[in-house]
Structures are given as structure tokens and as C-alpha cells.
Amino acid sequence: MIGYTTLGTNDLDKAAAFYDALFADQGLKRMTPNERLVMWSSKAGAAMFGIIKPFDGEAASVGNGTMIALMVDSAETVAKLHARALELGGSDEGEVGPRGAGMIFAYVRDLDGNKLAFYAPK
């Protein structure tokens, strides 16, 4: 089971503001922020999503084929997160729509170019 996942960033403050705004209506709160890392979660002990400056001091880069998928409660939430990410300066990687059996997906890239998927059952 996934405990947490992180995406690299080269501008922690800018990336944190993007995700604070993106997650504002999802019940996710900042957990364990420090000078290199900000994590969000719904509660202590639940899975966490984070952004991080690489430990080795090198620039963060986007992994080809790397994507974080965030499951949400409804198709409406998928659409809302997709639209909000674009409003916040993210880029579209795939409009809201059905993919696979009974699922709705949407894809975006954040301000650092990291790819996210939002999905929910139809």
C-alpha cells in the first residue's frame, strides 16, 4: 500500500501555492512542511502526496512515463480539479472523459511539468 508519494520541484513556494489552491476543496491539509518538503493528507496516518526539492541538490526533472494518479469521489470532482489545475497555470494532458471500464479520467501537468491524473468511477 502506498504511504506517500513525492514529485520534485525547483520552486517549493510556488509549487506549494499551486497544490494548496488545487487541494483547497478536497479536505487535504499540509503535513510536515519544512525547507525541502511539503506533504498533504486528509488525516494523520493516511496516504500523503508531497512536493520536494531533491536531496542531492540537483535540479528536479520530470520522469518520462512518471505519473501520479489521485482517486477522487466523483466525475464532477475530476472535472473541477482538471479545470482548477489549468486556472492555476498547469497544462492540459488529457481532457475529462471516460477511459477504461466505468472510469472518468483527466490529466494535467503541474508548474514543474509533473504529470497528474485525476480519476473516479462514472
PDB file of N, CA and C in Angstrom:
ATOM      1  N   MET A   1       0.854  -1.183   0.000  1.00  0.00           N
ATOM      2  CA  MET A   1       0.000   0.000   0.000  1.00  0.00           C
ATOM      3  C   MET A   1       0.891   1.233   0.000  1.00  0.00           C
ATOM      4  N   ILE A   2       0.484   2.255  -0.687  1.00  0.00           N
ATOM      5  CA  ILE A   2       1.269   3.478  -0.769  1.00  0.00           C
ATOM      6  C   ILE A   2       1.089   4.291   0.508  1.00  0.00           C
ATOM      7  N   GLY A   3       2.211   4.684   1.117  1.00  0.00           N
ATOM      8  CA  GLY A   3       2.188   5.561   2.281  1.00  0.00           C
ATOM      9  C   GLY A   3       2.260   7.020   1.862  1.00  0.00           C
ATOM     10  N   TYR A   4       3.151   7.296   0.906  1.00  0.00           N
ATOM     11  CA  TYR A   4       3.260   8.645   0.364  1.00  0.00           C
ATOM     12  C   TYR A   4       3.961   8.593  -0.975  1.00  0.00           C
ATOM     13  N   THR A   5       3.798   9.668  -1.722  1.00  0.00           N
ATOM     14  CA  THR A   5       4.489   9.837  -2.986  1.00  0.00           C
ATOM     15  C   THR A   5       4.926  11.293  -3.071  1.00  0.00           C
ATOM     16  N   THR A   6       6.032  11.552  -3.744  1.00  0.00           N
ATOM     17  CA  THR A   6       6.508  12.924  -3.902  1.00  0.00           C
ATOM     18  C   THR A   6       6.828  13.199  -5.361  1.00  0.00           C
ATOM     19  N   LEU A   7       6.688  14.475  -5.732  1.00  0.00           N
ATOM     20  CA  LEU A   7       7.106  14.979  -7.032  1.00  0.00           C
ATOM     21  C   LEU A   7       8.168  16.040  -6.788  1.00  0.00           C
ATOM     22  N   GLY A   8       9.174  16.073  -7.631  1.00  0.00           N
ATOM     23  CA  GLY A   8      10.233  17.054  -7.486  1.00  0.00           C
ATOM     24  C   GLY A   8       9.804  18.439  -7.911  1.00  0.00           C
ATOM     25  N   THR A   9      10.388  19.445  -7.253  1.00  0.00           N
ATOM     26  CA  THR A   9      10.151  20.839  -7.625  1.00  0.00           C
ATOM     27  C   THR A   9      11.443  21.628  -7.508  1.00  0.00           C
ATOM     28  N   ASN A  10      11.538  22.678  -8.317  1.00  0.00           N
ATOM     29  CA  ASN A  10      12.659  23.609  -8.231  1.00  0.00           C
ATOM     30  C   ASN A  10      12.251  24.911  -7.567  1.00  0.00           C
ATOM     31  N   ASP A  11      10.985  25.071  -7.258  1.00  0.00           N
ATOM     32  CA  ASP A  11      10.482  26.267  -6.578  1.00  0.00           C
ATOM     33  C   ASP A  11       9.422  25.824  -5.579  1.00  0.00           C
ATOM     34  N   LEU A  12       9.853  25.493  -4.375  1.00  0.00           N
ATOM     35  CA  LEU A  12       8.971  24.926  -3.363  1.00  0.00           C
ATOM     36  C   LEU A  12       7.805  25.848  -3.028  1.00  0.00           C
ATOM     37  N   ASP A  13       8.060  27.139  -2.874  1.00  0.00           N
ATOM     38  CA  ASP A  13       6.984  28.068  -2.516  1.00  0.00           C
ATOM     39  C   ASP A  13       5.918  28.152  -3.609  1.00  0.00           C
ATOM     40  N   LYS A  14       6.353  28.255  -4.855  1.00  0.00           N
ATOM     41  CA  LYS A  14       5.413  28.353  -5.970  1.00  0.00           C
ATOM     42  C   LYS A  14       4.623  27.053  -6.123  1.00  0.00           C
ATOM     43  N   ALA A  15       5.302  25.924  -6.027  1.00  0.00           N
ATOM     44  CA  ALA A  15       4.628  24.630  -6.144  1.00  0.00           C
ATOM     45  C   ALA A  15       3.657  24.413  -4.982  1.00  0.00           C
ATOM     46  N   ALA A  16       4.054  24.802  -3.773  1.00  0.00           N
ATOM     47  CA  ALA A  16       3.174  24.642  -2.611  1.00  0.00           C
ATOM     48  C   ALA A  16       1.911  25.478  -2.769  1.00  0.00           C
ATOM     49  N   ALA A  17       2.040  26.689  -3.282  1.00  0.00           N
ATOM     50  CA  ALA A  17       0.867  27.541  -3.506  1.00  0.00           C
ATOM     51  C   ALA A  17      -0.065  26.910  -4.547  1.00  0.00           C
ATOM     52  N   PHE A  18       0.494  26.321  -5.611  1.00  0.00           N
ATOM     53  CA  PHE A  18      -0.292  25.632  -6.633  1.00  0.00           C
ATOM     54  C   PHE A  18      -1.105  24.505  -5.999  1.00  0.00           C
ATOM     55  N   TYR A  19      -0.453  23.646  -5.221  1.00  0.00           N
ATOM     56  CA  TYR A  19      -1.146  22.499  -4.626  1.00  0.00           C
ATOM     57  C   TYR A  19      -2.071  22.910  -3.483  1.00  0.00           C
ATOM     58  N   ASP A  20      -1.725  23.930  -2.717  1.00  0.00           N
ATOM     59  CA  ASP A  20      -2.662  24.438  -1.699  1.00  0.00           C
ATOM     60  C   ASP A  20      -3.985  24.829  -2.364  1.00  0.00           C
ATOM     61  N   ALA A  21      -3.889  25.562  -3.456  1.00  0.00           N
ATOM     62  CA  ALA A  21      -5.097  26.011  -4.162  1.00  0.00           C
ATOM     63  C   ALA A  21      -5.816  24.842  -4.833  1.00  0.00           C
ATOM     64  N   LEU A  22      -5.064  23.926  -5.421  1.00  0.00           N
ATOM     65  CA  LEU A  22      -5.669  22.783  -6.095  1.00  0.00           C
ATOM     66  C   LEU A  22      -6.425  21.896  -5.104  1.00  0.00           C
ATOM     67  N   PHE A  23      -5.859  21.680  -3.931  1.00  0.00           N
ATOM     68  CA  PHE A  23      -6.440  20.777  -2.945  1.00  0.00           C
ATOM     69  C   PHE A  23      -7.370  21.465  -1.948  1.00  0.00           C
ATOM     70  N   ALA A  24      -7.585  22.763  -2.090  1.00  0.00           N
ATOM     71  CA  ALA A  24      -8.353  23.539  -1.104  1.00  0.00           C
ATOM     72  C   ALA A  24      -9.721  22.954  -0.804  1.00  0.00           C
ATOM     73  N   ASP A  25     -10.408  22.431  -1.802  1.00  0.00           N
ATOM     74  CA  ASP A  25     -11.761  21.903  -1.600  1.00  0.00           C
ATOM     75  C   ASP A  25     -11.793  20.390  -1.414  1.00  0.00           C
ATOM     76  N   GLN A  26     -10.640  19.766  -1.286  1.00  0.00           N
ATOM     77  CA  GLN A  26     -10.587  18.308  -1.198  1.00  0.00           C
ATOM     78  C   GLN A  26     -10.383  17.783   0.225  1.00  0.00           C
ATOM     79  N   GLY A  27     -10.315  18.669   1.199  1.00  0.00           N
ATOM     80  CA  GLY A  27     -10.123  18.227   2.578  1.00  0.00           C
ATOM     81  C   GLY A  27      -8.701  17.791   2.884  1.00  0.00           C
ATOM     82  N   LEU A  28      -7.761  18.181   2.039  1.00  0.00           N
ATOM     83  CA  LEU A  28      -6.357  17.836   2.270  1.00  0.00           C
ATOM     84  C   LEU A  28      -5.663  18.996   2.959  1.00  0.00           C
ATOM     85  N   LYS A  29      -4.831  18.672   3.932  1.00  0.00           N
ATOM     86  CA  LYS A  29      -4.120  19.692   4.693  1.00  0.00           C
ATOM     87  C   LYS A  29      -2.620  19.445   4.612  1.00  0.00           C
ATOM     88  N   ARG A  30      -1.871  20.528   4.757  1.00  0.00           N
ATOM     89  CA  ARG A  30      -0.411  20.395   4.794  1.00  0.00           C
ATOM     90  C   ARG A  30       0.020  19.583   6.006  1.00  0.00           C
ATOM     91  N   MET A  31       0.958  18.680   5.767  1.00  0.00           N
ATOM     92  CA  MET A  31       1.552  17.876   6.832  1.00  0.00           C
ATOM     93  C   MET A  31       3.068  18.008   6.702  1.00  0.00           C
ATOM     94  N   THR A  32       3.755  18.040   7.769  1.00  0.00           N
ATOM     95  CA  THR A  32       5.216  18.019   7.839  1.00  0.00           C
ATOM     96  C   THR A  32       5.948  18.957   6.883  1.00  0.00           C
ATOM     97  N   PRO A  33       5.524  20.212   6.745  1.00  0.00           N
ATOM     98  CA  PRO A  33       6.280  21.090   5.842  1.00  0.00           C
ATOM     99  C   PRO A  33       7.639  21.463   6.449  1.00  0.00           C
ATOM    100  N   ASN A  34       8.645  21.574   5.598  1.00  0.00           N
ATOM    101  CA  ASN A  34       9.951  22.082   6.013  1.00  0.00           C
ATOM    102  C   ASN A  34      10.598  22.773   4.819  1.00  0.00           C
ATOM    103  N   GLU A  35      11.872  23.081   4.892  1.00  0.00           N
ATOM    104  CA  GLU A  35      12.527  23.864   3.834  1.00  0.00           C
ATOM    105  C   GLU A  35      12.724  23.096   2.529  1.00  0.00           C
ATOM    106  N   ARG A  36      12.527  21.776   2.522  1.00  0.00           N
ATOM    107  CA  ARG A  36      12.688  20.958   1.317  1.00  0.00           C
ATOM    108  C   ARG A  36      11.421  20.254   0.869  1.00  0.00           C
ATOM    109  N   LEU A  37      10.411  20.181   1.743  1.00  0.00           N
ATOM    110  CA  LEU A  37       9.301  19.272   1.503  1.00  0.00           C
ATOM    111  C   LEU A  37       7.989  19.838   2.032  1.00  0.00           C
ATOM    112  N   VAL A  38       6.916  19.641   1.274  1.00  0.00           N
ATOM    113  CA  VAL A  38       5.561  19.902   1.755  1.00  0.00           C
ATOM    114  C   VAL A  38       4.728  18.681   1.380  1.00  0.00           C
ATOM    115  N   MET A  39       3.985  18.152   2.360  1.00  0.00           N
ATOM    116  CA  MET A  39       3.114  16.994   2.141  1.00  0.00           C
ATOM    117  C   MET A  39       1.677  17.402   2.445  1.00  0.00           C
ATOM    118  N   TRP A  40       0.717  16.761   1.770  1.00  0.00           N
ATOM    119  CA  TRP A  40      -0.710  16.958   2.034  1.00  0.00           C
ATOM    120  C   TRP A  40      -1.332  15.605   2.325  1.00  0.00           C
ATOM    121  N   SER A  41      -2.319  15.616   3.218  1.00  0.00           N
ATOM    122  CA  SER A  41      -3.052  14.400   3.542  1.00  0.00           C
ATOM    123  C   SER A  41      -4.403  14.767   4.127  1.00  0.00           C
ATOM    124  N   SER A  42      -5.293  13.799   4.170  1.00  0.00           N
ATOM    125  CA  SER A  42      -6.614  14.034   4.745  1.00  0.00           C
ATOM    126  C   SER A  42      -6.594  13.913   6.262  1.00  0.00           C
ATOM    127  N   LYS A  43      -5.641  13.123   6.795  1.00  0.00           N
ATOM    128  CA  LYS A  43      -5.534  12.949   8.245  1.00  0.00           C
ATOM    129  C   LYS A  43      -4.224  12.245   8.570  1.00  0.00           C
ATOM    130  N   ALA A  44      -3.819  12.323   9.820  1.00  0.00           N
ATOM    131  CA  ALA A  44      -2.607  11.638  10.275  1.00  0.00           C
ATOM    132  C   ALA A  44      -2.751  10.144  10.019  1.00  0.00           C
ATOM    133  N   GLY A  45      -1.719   9.549   9.468  1.00  0.00           N
ATOM    134  CA  GLY A  45      -1.717   8.127   9.199  1.00  0.00           C
ATOM    135  C   GLY A  45      -2.272   7.733   7.840  1.00  0.00           C
ATOM    136  N   ALA A  46      -2.902   8.653   7.120  1.00  0.00           N
ATOM    137  CA  ALA A  46      -3.424   8.366   5.781  1.00  0.00           C
ATOM    138  C   ALA A  46      -2.322   8.585   4.747  1.00  0.00           C
ATOM    139  N   ALA A  47      -2.548   8.105   3.540  1.00  0.00           N
ATOM    140  CA  ALA A  47      -1.585   8.304   2.456  1.00  0.00           C
ATOM    141  C   ALA A  47      -1.331   9.797   2.255  1.00  0.00           C
ATOM    142  N   MET A  48      -0.105  10.136   1.858  1.00  0.00           N
ATOM    143  CA  MET A  48       0.279  11.535   1.668  1.00  0.00           C
ATOM    144  C   MET A  48       0.803  11.757   0.252  1.00  0.00           C
ATOM    145  N   PHE A  49       0.620  12.978  -0.225  1.00  0.00           N
ATOM    146  CA  PHE A  49       1.138  13.447  -1.507  1.00  0.00           C
ATOM    147  C   PHE A  49       2.053  14.615  -1.192  1.00  0.00           C
ATOM    148  N   GLY A  50       3.229  14.660  -1.813  1.00  0.00           N
ATOM    149  CA  GLY A  50       4.146  15.745  -1.498  1.00  0.00           C
ATOM    150  C   GLY A  50       4.937  16.253  -2.676  1.00  0.00           C
ATOM    151  N   ILE A  51       5.517  17.426  -2.451  1.00  0.00           N
ATOM    152  CA  ILE A  51       6.484  18.013  -3.381  1.00  0.00           C
ATOM    153  C   ILE A  51       7.780  18.182  -2.602  1.00  0.00           C
ATOM    154  N   ILE A  52       8.889  18.052  -3.303  1.00  0.00           N
ATOM    155  CA  ILE A  52      10.170  18.031  -2.609  1.00  0.00           C
ATOM    156  C   ILE A  52      11.283  18.578  -3.493  1.00  0.00           C
ATOM    157  N   LYS A  53      12.214  19.276  -2.882  1.00  0.00           N
ATOM    158  CA  LYS A  53      13.460  19.636  -3.556  1.00  0.00           C
ATOM    159  C   LYS A  53      14.359  18.408  -3.449  1.00  0.00           C
ATOM    160  N   PRO A  54      14.959  17.949  -4.547  1.00  0.00           N
ATOM    161  CA  PRO A  54      15.770  16.738  -4.497  1.00  0.00           C
ATOM    162  C   PRO A  54      16.866  16.804  -3.432  1.00  0.00           C
ATOM    163  N   PHE A  55      17.042  15.707  -2.723  1.00  0.00           N
ATOM    164  CA  PHE A  55      18.013  15.606  -1.641  1.00  0.00           C
ATOM    165  C   PHE A  55      19.443  15.834  -2.121  1.00  0.00           C
ATOM    166  N   ASP A  56      19.744  15.415  -3.363  1.00  0.00           N
ATOM    167  CA  ASP A  56      21.111  15.528  -3.867  1.00  0.00           C
ATOM    168  C   ASP A  56      21.495  16.943  -4.286  1.00  0.00           C
ATOM    169  N   GLY A  57      20.556  17.896  -4.182  1.00  0.00           N
ATOM    170  CA  GLY A  57      20.857  19.283  -4.529  1.00  0.00           C
ATOM    171  C   GLY A  57      20.796  19.574  -6.019  1.00  0.00           C
ATOM    172  N   GLU A  58      20.590  18.549  -6.830  1.00  0.00           N
ATOM    173  CA  GLU A  58      20.482  18.736  -8.277  1.00  0.00           C
ATOM    174  C   GLU A  58      19.081  19.255  -8.607  1.00  0.00           C
ATOM    175  N   ALA A  59      18.927  19.766  -9.817  1.00  0.00           N
ATOM    176  CA  ALA A  59      17.624  20.268 -10.247  1.00  0.00           C
ATOM    177  C   ALA A  59      16.622  19.123 -10.356  1.00  0.00           C
ATOM    178  N   ALA A  60      15.388  19.387  -9.968  1.00  0.00           N
ATOM    179  CA  ALA A  60      14.308  18.414 -10.158  1.00  0.00           C
ATOM    180  C   ALA A  60      14.008  18.329 -11.644  1.00  0.00           C
ATOM    181  N   SER A  61      13.695  17.141 -12.120  1.00  0.00           N
ATOM    182  CA  SER A  61      13.312  16.954 -13.516  1.00  0.00           C
ATOM    183  C   SER A  61      12.133  15.988 -13.572  1.00  0.00           C
ATOM    184  N   VAL A  62      11.413  16.042 -14.672  1.00  0.00           N
ATOM    185  CA  VAL A  62      10.231  15.210 -14.856  1.00  0.00           C
ATOM    186  C   VAL A  62      10.662  13.858 -15.406  1.00  0.00           C
ATOM    187  N   GLY A  63      10.195  12.791 -14.805  1.00  0.00           N
ATOM    188  CA  GLY A  63      10.488  11.450 -15.300  1.00  0.00           C
ATOM    189  C   GLY A  63       9.578  11.099 -16.452  1.00  0.00           C
ATOM    190  N   ASN A  64      10.140  10.637 -17.544  1.00  0.00           N
ATOM    191  CA  ASN A  64       9.344  10.226 -18.691  1.00  0.00           C
ATOM    192  C   ASN A  64       8.574   8.967 -18.316  1.00  0.00           C
ATOM    193  N   GLY A  65       7.260   9.027 -18.400  1.00  0.00           N
ATOM    194  CA  GLY A  65       6.418   7.903 -18.018  1.00  0.00           C
ATOM    195  C   GLY A  65       5.977   7.937 -16.570  1.00  0.00           C
ATOM    196  N   THR A  66       6.479   8.886 -15.795  1.00  0.00           N
ATOM    197  CA  THR A  66       6.081   9.014 -14.403  1.00  0.00           C
ATOM    198  C   THR A  66       4.790   9.809 -14.312  1.00  0.00           C
ATOM    199  N   MET A  67       3.844   9.284 -13.528  1.00  0.00           N
ATOM    200  CA  MET A  67       2.571   9.969 -13.342  1.00  0.00           C
ATOM    201  C   MET A  67       2.024   9.564 -11.986  1.00  0.00           C
ATOM    202  N   ILE A  68       1.429  10.520 -11.297  1.00  0.00           N
ATOM    203  CA  ILE A  68       0.751  10.254 -10.041  1.00  0.00           C
ATOM    204  C   ILE A  68      -0.748  10.347 -10.315  1.00  0.00           C
ATOM    205  N   ALA A  69      -1.491   9.309  -9.946  1.00  0.00           N
ATOM    206  CA  ALA A  69      -2.942   9.288 -10.137  1.00  0.00           C
ATOM    207  C   ALA A  69      -3.617   9.487  -8.788  1.00  0.00           C
ATOM    208  N   LEU A  70      -4.516  10.465  -8.729  1.00  0.00           N
ATOM    209  CA  LEU A  70      -5.232  10.785  -7.499  1.00  0.00           C
ATOM    210  C   LEU A  70      -6.699  10.410  -7.663  1.00  0.00           C
ATOM    211  N   MET A  71      -7.154   9.419  -6.891  1.00  0.00           N
ATOM    212  CA  MET A  71      -8.545   8.989  -6.949  1.00  0.00           C
ATOM    213  C   MET A  71      -9.396   9.959  -6.140  1.00  0.00           C
ATOM    214  N   VAL A  72     -10.507  10.380  -6.728  1.00  0.00           N
ATOM    215  CA  VAL A  72     -11.418  11.312  -6.062  1.00  0.00           C
ATOM    216  C   VAL A  72     -12.817  10.701  -6.029  1.00  0.00           C
ATOM    217  N   ASP A  73     -13.761  11.427  -5.448  1.00  0.00           N
ATOM    218  CA  ASP A  73     -15.075  10.861  -5.170  1.00  0.00           C
ATOM    219  C   ASP A  73     -16.061  10.834  -6.333  1.00  0.00           C
ATOM    220  N   SER A  74     -15.849  11.649  -7.370  1.00  0.00           N
ATOM    221  CA  SER A  74     -16.852  11.717  -8.436  1.00  0.00           C
ATOM    222  C   SER A  74     -16.270  12.283  -9.726  1.00  0.00           C
ATOM    223  N   ALA A  75     -17.014  12.065 -10.810  1.00  0.00           N
ATOM    224  CA  ALA A  75     -16.634  12.638 -12.102  1.00  0.00           C
ATOM    225  C   ALA A  75     -16.630  14.158 -12.033  1.00  0.00           C
ATOM    226  N   GLU A  76     -17.547  14.723 -11.247  1.00  0.00           N
ATOM    227  CA  GLU A  76     -17.602  16.177 -11.086  1.00  0.00           C
ATOM    228  C   GLU A  76     -16.322  16.708 -10.443  1.00  0.00           C
ATOM    229  N   THR A  77     -15.804  15.970  -9.474  1.00  0.00           N
ATOM    230  CA  THR A  77     -14.553  16.384  -8.828  1.00  0.00           C
ATOM    231  C   THR A  77     -13.385  16.267  -9.790  1.00  0.00           C
ATOM    232  N   VAL A  78     -13.380  15.237 -10.629  1.00  0.00           N
ATOM    233  CA  VAL A  78     -12.346  15.103 -11.663  1.00  0.00           C
ATOM    234  C   VAL A  78     -12.343  16.357 -12.527  1.00  0.00           C
ATOM    235  N   ALA A  79     -13.509  16.748 -13.009  1.00  0.00           N
ATOM    236  CA  ALA A  79     -13.624  17.927 -13.875  1.00  0.00           C
ATOM    237  C   ALA A  79     -13.205  19.196 -13.143  1.00  0.00           C
ATOM    238  N   LYS A  80     -13.597  19.320 -11.892  1.00  0.00           N
ATOM    239  CA  LYS A  80     -13.262  20.502 -11.104  1.00  0.00           C
ATOM    240  C   LYS A  80     -11.750  20.620 -10.891  1.00  0.00           C
ATOM    241  N   LEU A  81     -11.095  19.512 -10.540  1.00  0.00           N
ATOM    242  CA  LEU A  81      -9.647  19.543 -10.330  1.00  0.00           C
ATOM    243  C   LEU A  81      -8.902  19.829 -11.629  1.00  0.00           C
ATOM    244  N   HIS A  82      -9.349  19.244 -12.726  1.00  0.00           N
ATOM    245  CA  HIS A  82      -8.723  19.490 -14.025  1.00  0.00           C
ATOM    246  C   HIS A  82      -8.801  20.977 -14.363  1.00  0.00           C
ATOM    247  N   ALA A  83      -9.999  21.540 -14.247  1.00  0.00           N
ATOM    248  CA  ALA A  83     -10.179  22.963 -14.557  1.00  0.00           C
ATOM    249  C   ALA A  83      -9.367  23.837 -13.613  1.00  0.00           C
ATOM    250  N   ARG A  84      -9.351  23.505 -12.338  1.00  0.00           N
ATOM    251  CA  ARG A  84      -8.618  24.311 -11.360  1.00  0.00           C
ATOM    252  C   ARG A  84      -7.118  24.271 -11.632  1.00  0.00           C
ATOM    253  N   ALA A  85      -6.595  23.110 -11.957  1.00  0.00           N
ATOM    254  CA  ALA A  85      -5.163  22.997 -12.273  1.00  0.00           C
ATOM    255  C   ALA A  85      -4.797  23.887 -13.455  1.00  0.00           C
ATOM    256  N   LEU A  86      -5.662  23.924 -14.472  1.00  0.00           N
ATOM    257  CA  LEU A  86      -5.398  24.780 -15.632  1.00  0.00           C
ATOM    258  C   LEU A  86      -5.478  26.253 -15.255  1.00  0.00           C
ATOM    259  N   GLU A  87      -6.438  26.623 -14.416  1.00  0.00           N
ATOM    260  CA  GLU A  87      -6.548  28.012 -13.936  1.00  0.00           C
ATOM    261  C   GLU A  87      -5.299  28.436 -13.171  1.00  0.00           C
ATOM    262  N   LEU A  88      -4.684  27.498 -12.475  1.00  0.00           N
ATOM    263  CA  LEU A  88      -3.509  27.786 -11.652  1.00  0.00           C
ATOM    264  C   LEU A  88      -2.209  27.787 -12.452  1.00  0.00           C
ATOM    265  N   GLY A  89      -2.303  27.566 -13.764  1.00  0.00           N
ATOM    266  CA  GLY A  89      -1.116  27.610 -14.614  1.00  0.00           C
ATOM    267  C   GLY A  89      -0.600  26.259 -15.054  1.00  0.00           C
ATOM    268  N   GLY A  90      -1.276  25.178 -14.654  1.00  0.00           N
ATOM    269  CA  GLY A  90      -0.904  23.855 -15.130  1.00  0.00           C
ATOM    270  C   GLY A  90      -1.264  23.712 -16.600  1.00  0.00           C
ATOM    271  N   SER A  91      -0.813  22.634 -17.222  1.00  0.00           N
ATOM    272  CA  SER A  91      -1.115  22.417 -18.641  1.00  0.00           C
ATOM    273  C   SER A  91      -1.930  21.139 -18.822  1.00  0.00           C
ATOM    274  N   ASP A  92      -2.760  21.162 -19.850  1.00  0.00           N
ATOM    275  CA  ASP A  92      -3.649  20.046 -20.147  1.00  0.00           C
ATOM    276  C   ASP A  92      -2.874  18.899 -20.773  1.00  0.00           C
ATOM    277  N   GLU A  93      -3.102  17.694 -20.248  1.00  0.00           N
ATOM    278  CA  GLU A  93      -2.504  16.486 -20.817  1.00  0.00           C
ATOM    279  C   GLU A  93      -3.573  15.479 -21.208  1.00  0.00           C
ATOM    280  N   GLY A  94      -4.844  15.860 -21.092  1.00  0.00           N
ATOM    281  CA  GLY A  94      -5.928  14.967 -21.466  1.00  0.00           C
ATOM    282  C   GLY A  94      -7.225  15.415 -20.825  1.00  0.00           C
ATOM    283  N   GLU A  95      -8.176  15.810 -21.661  1.00  0.00           N
ATOM    284  CA  GLU A  95      -9.467  16.306 -21.193  1.00  0.00           C
ATOM    285  C   GLU A  95     -10.203  15.269 -20.363  1.00  0.00           C
ATOM    286  N   VAL A  96     -11.163  15.734 -19.584  1.00  0.00           N
ATOM    287  CA  VAL A  96     -12.018  14.867 -18.790  1.00  0.00           C
ATOM    288  C   VAL A  96     -12.798  13.955 -19.727  1.00  0.00           C
ATOM    289  N   GLY A  97     -12.790  12.661 -19.424  1.00  0.00           N
ATOM    290  CA  GLY A  97     -13.552  11.728 -20.241  1.00  0.00           C
ATOM    291  C   GLY A  97     -13.393  10.300 -19.774  1.00  0.00           C
ATOM    292  N   PRO A  98     -14.217   9.415 -20.344  1.00  0.00           N
ATOM    293  CA  PRO A  98     -14.155   8.002 -19.956  1.00  0.00           C
ATOM    294  C   PRO A  98     -12.897   7.345 -20.504  1.00  0.00           C
ATOM    295  N   ARG A  99     -12.328   6.515 -19.672  1.00  0.00           N
ATOM    296  CA  ARG A  99     -11.178   5.698 -20.073  1.00  0.00           C
ATOM    297  C   ARG A  99     -11.285   4.396 -19.292  1.00  0.00           C
ATOM    298  N   GLY A 100     -11.185   3.311 -19.976  1.00  0.00           N
ATOM    299  CA  GLY A 100     -11.347   2.029 -19.308  1.00  0.00           C
ATOM    300  C   GLY A 100     -12.810   1.781 -18.959  1.00  0.00           C
ATOM    301  N   ALA A 101     -13.038   0.720 -18.252  1.00  0.00           N
ATOM    302  CA  ALA A 101     -14.402   0.309 -17.903  1.00  0.00           C
ATOM    303  C   ALA A 101     -14.926   1.093 -16.711  1.00  0.00           C
ATOM    304  N   GLY A 102     -15.868   1.990 -16.976  1.00  0.00           N
ATOM    305  CA  GLY A 102     -16.557   2.669 -15.897  1.00  0.00           C
ATOM    306  C   GLY A 102     -15.776   3.720 -15.143  1.00  0.00           C
ATOM    307  N   MET A 103     -14.751   4.289 -15.736  1.00  0.00           N
ATOM    308  CA  MET A 103     -13.932   5.287 -15.041  1.00  0.00           C
ATOM    309  C   MET A 103     -13.867   6.581 -15.853  1.00  0.00           C
ATOM    310  N   ILE A 104     -13.777   7.695 -15.144  1.00  0.00           N
ATOM    311  CA  ILE A 104     -13.579   9.020 -15.736  1.00  0.00           C
ATOM    312  C   ILE A 104     -12.190   9.502 -15.326  1.00  0.00           C
ATOM    313  N   PHE A 105     -11.425   9.973 -16.281  1.00  0.00           N
ATOM    314  CA  PHE A 105     -10.073  10.467 -16.026  1.00  0.00           C
ATOM    315  C   PHE A 105      -9.888  11.866 -16.606  1.00  0.00           C
ATOM    316  N   ALA A 106      -8.895  12.566 -16.092  1.00  0.00           N
ATOM    317  CA  ALA A 106      -8.390  13.810 -16.672  1.00  0.00           C
ATOM    318  C   ALA A 106      -6.914  13.893 -16.310  1.00  0.00           C
ATOM    319  N   TYR A 107      -6.140  14.534 -17.164  1.00  0.00           N
ATOM    320  CA  TYR A 107      -4.692  14.595 -16.981  1.00  0.00           C
ATOM    321  C   TYR A 107      -4.194  16.033 -17.090  1.00  0.00           C
ATOM    322  N   VAL A 108      -3.240  16.380 -16.232  1.00  0.00           N
ATOM    323  CA  VAL A 108      -2.617  17.700 -16.256  1.00  0.00           C
ATOM    324  C   VAL A 108      -1.129  17.571 -15.929  1.00  0.00           C
ATOM    325  N   ARG A 109      -0.418  18.642 -16.201  1.00  0.00           N
ATOM    326  CA  ARG A 109       0.960  18.780 -15.698  1.00  0.00           C
ATOM    327  C   ARG A 109       0.971  19.982 -14.770  1.00  0.00           C
ATOM    328  N   ASP A 110       1.701  19.845 -13.658  1.00  0.00           N
ATOM    329  CA  ASP A 110       1.806  20.944 -12.704  1.00  0.00           C
ATOM    330  C   ASP A 110       2.820  21.970 -13.192  1.00  0.00           C
ATOM    331  N   LEU A 111       3.151  22.933 -12.363  1.00  0.00           N
ATOM    332  CA  LEU A 111       4.044  24.023 -12.769  1.00  0.00           C
ATOM    333  C   LEU A 111       5.468  23.562 -13.044  1.00  0.00           C
ATOM    334  N   ASP A 112       5.863  22.411 -12.500  1.00  0.00           N
ATOM    335  CA  ASP A 112       7.191  21.851 -12.746  1.00  0.00           C
ATOM    336  C   ASP A 112       7.190  20.837 -13.884  1.00  0.00           C
ATOM    337  N   GLY A 113       6.015  20.579 -14.482  1.00  0.00           N
ATOM    338  CA  GLY A 113       5.913  19.623 -15.572  1.00  0.00           C
ATOM    339  C   GLY A 113       5.591  18.204 -15.136  1.00  0.00           C
ATOM    340  N   ASN A 114       5.345  17.986 -13.838  1.00  0.00           N
ATOM    341  CA  ASN A 114       4.979  16.658 -13.350  1.00  0.00           C
ATOM    342  C   ASN A 114       3.565  16.313 -13.807  1.00  0.00           C
ATOM    343  N   LYS A 115       3.361  15.066 -14.238  1.00  0.00           N
ATOM    344  CA  LYS A 115       2.069  14.646 -14.763  1.00  0.00           C
ATOM    345  C   LYS A 115       1.195  14.051 -13.650  1.00  0.00           C
ATOM    346  N   LEU A 116      -0.051  14.540 -13.609  1.00  0.00           N
ATOM    347  CA  LEU A 116      -1.049  14.053 -12.650  1.00  0.00           C
ATOM    348  C   LEU A 116      -2.256  13.539 -13.407  1.00  0.00           C
ATOM    349  N   ALA A 117      -2.888  12.512 -12.858  1.00  0.00           N
ATOM    350  CA  ALA A 117      -4.189  12.045 -13.328  1.00  0.00           C
ATOM    351  C   ALA A 117      -5.158  12.178 -12.178  1.00  0.00           C
ATOM    352  N   PHE A 118      -6.358  12.621 -12.479  1.00  0.00           N
ATOM    353  CA  PHE A 118      -7.467  12.612 -11.523  1.00  0.00           C
ATOM    354  C   PHE A 118      -8.463  11.599 -12.063  1.00  0.00           C
ATOM    355  N   TYR A 119      -8.985  10.723 -11.213  1.00  0.00           N
ATOM    356  CA  TYR A 119      -9.946   9.746 -11.711  1.00  0.00           C
ATOM    357  C   TYR A 119     -10.975   9.365 -10.667  1.00  0.00           C
ATOM    358  N   ALA A 120     -12.117   8.866 -11.166  1.00  0.00           N
ATOM    359  CA  ALA A 120     -13.223   8.440 -10.313  1.00  0.00           C
ATOM    360  C   ALA A 120     -14.101   7.482 -11.096  1.00  0.00           C
ATOM    361  N   PRO A 121     -14.876   6.665 -10.382  1.00  0.00           N
ATOM    362  CA  PRO A 121     -15.869   5.844 -11.083  1.00  0.00           C
ATOM    363  C   PRO A 121     -16.911   6.730 -11.736  1.00  0.00           C
ATOM    364  N   LYS A 122     -17.483   6.270 -12.859  1.00  0.00           N
ATOM    365  CA  LYS A 122     -18.554   7.020 -13.537  1.00  0.00           C
ATOM    366  C   LYS A 122     -19.745   7.141 -12.629  1.00  0.00           C
TER     367      LYS A 122
END
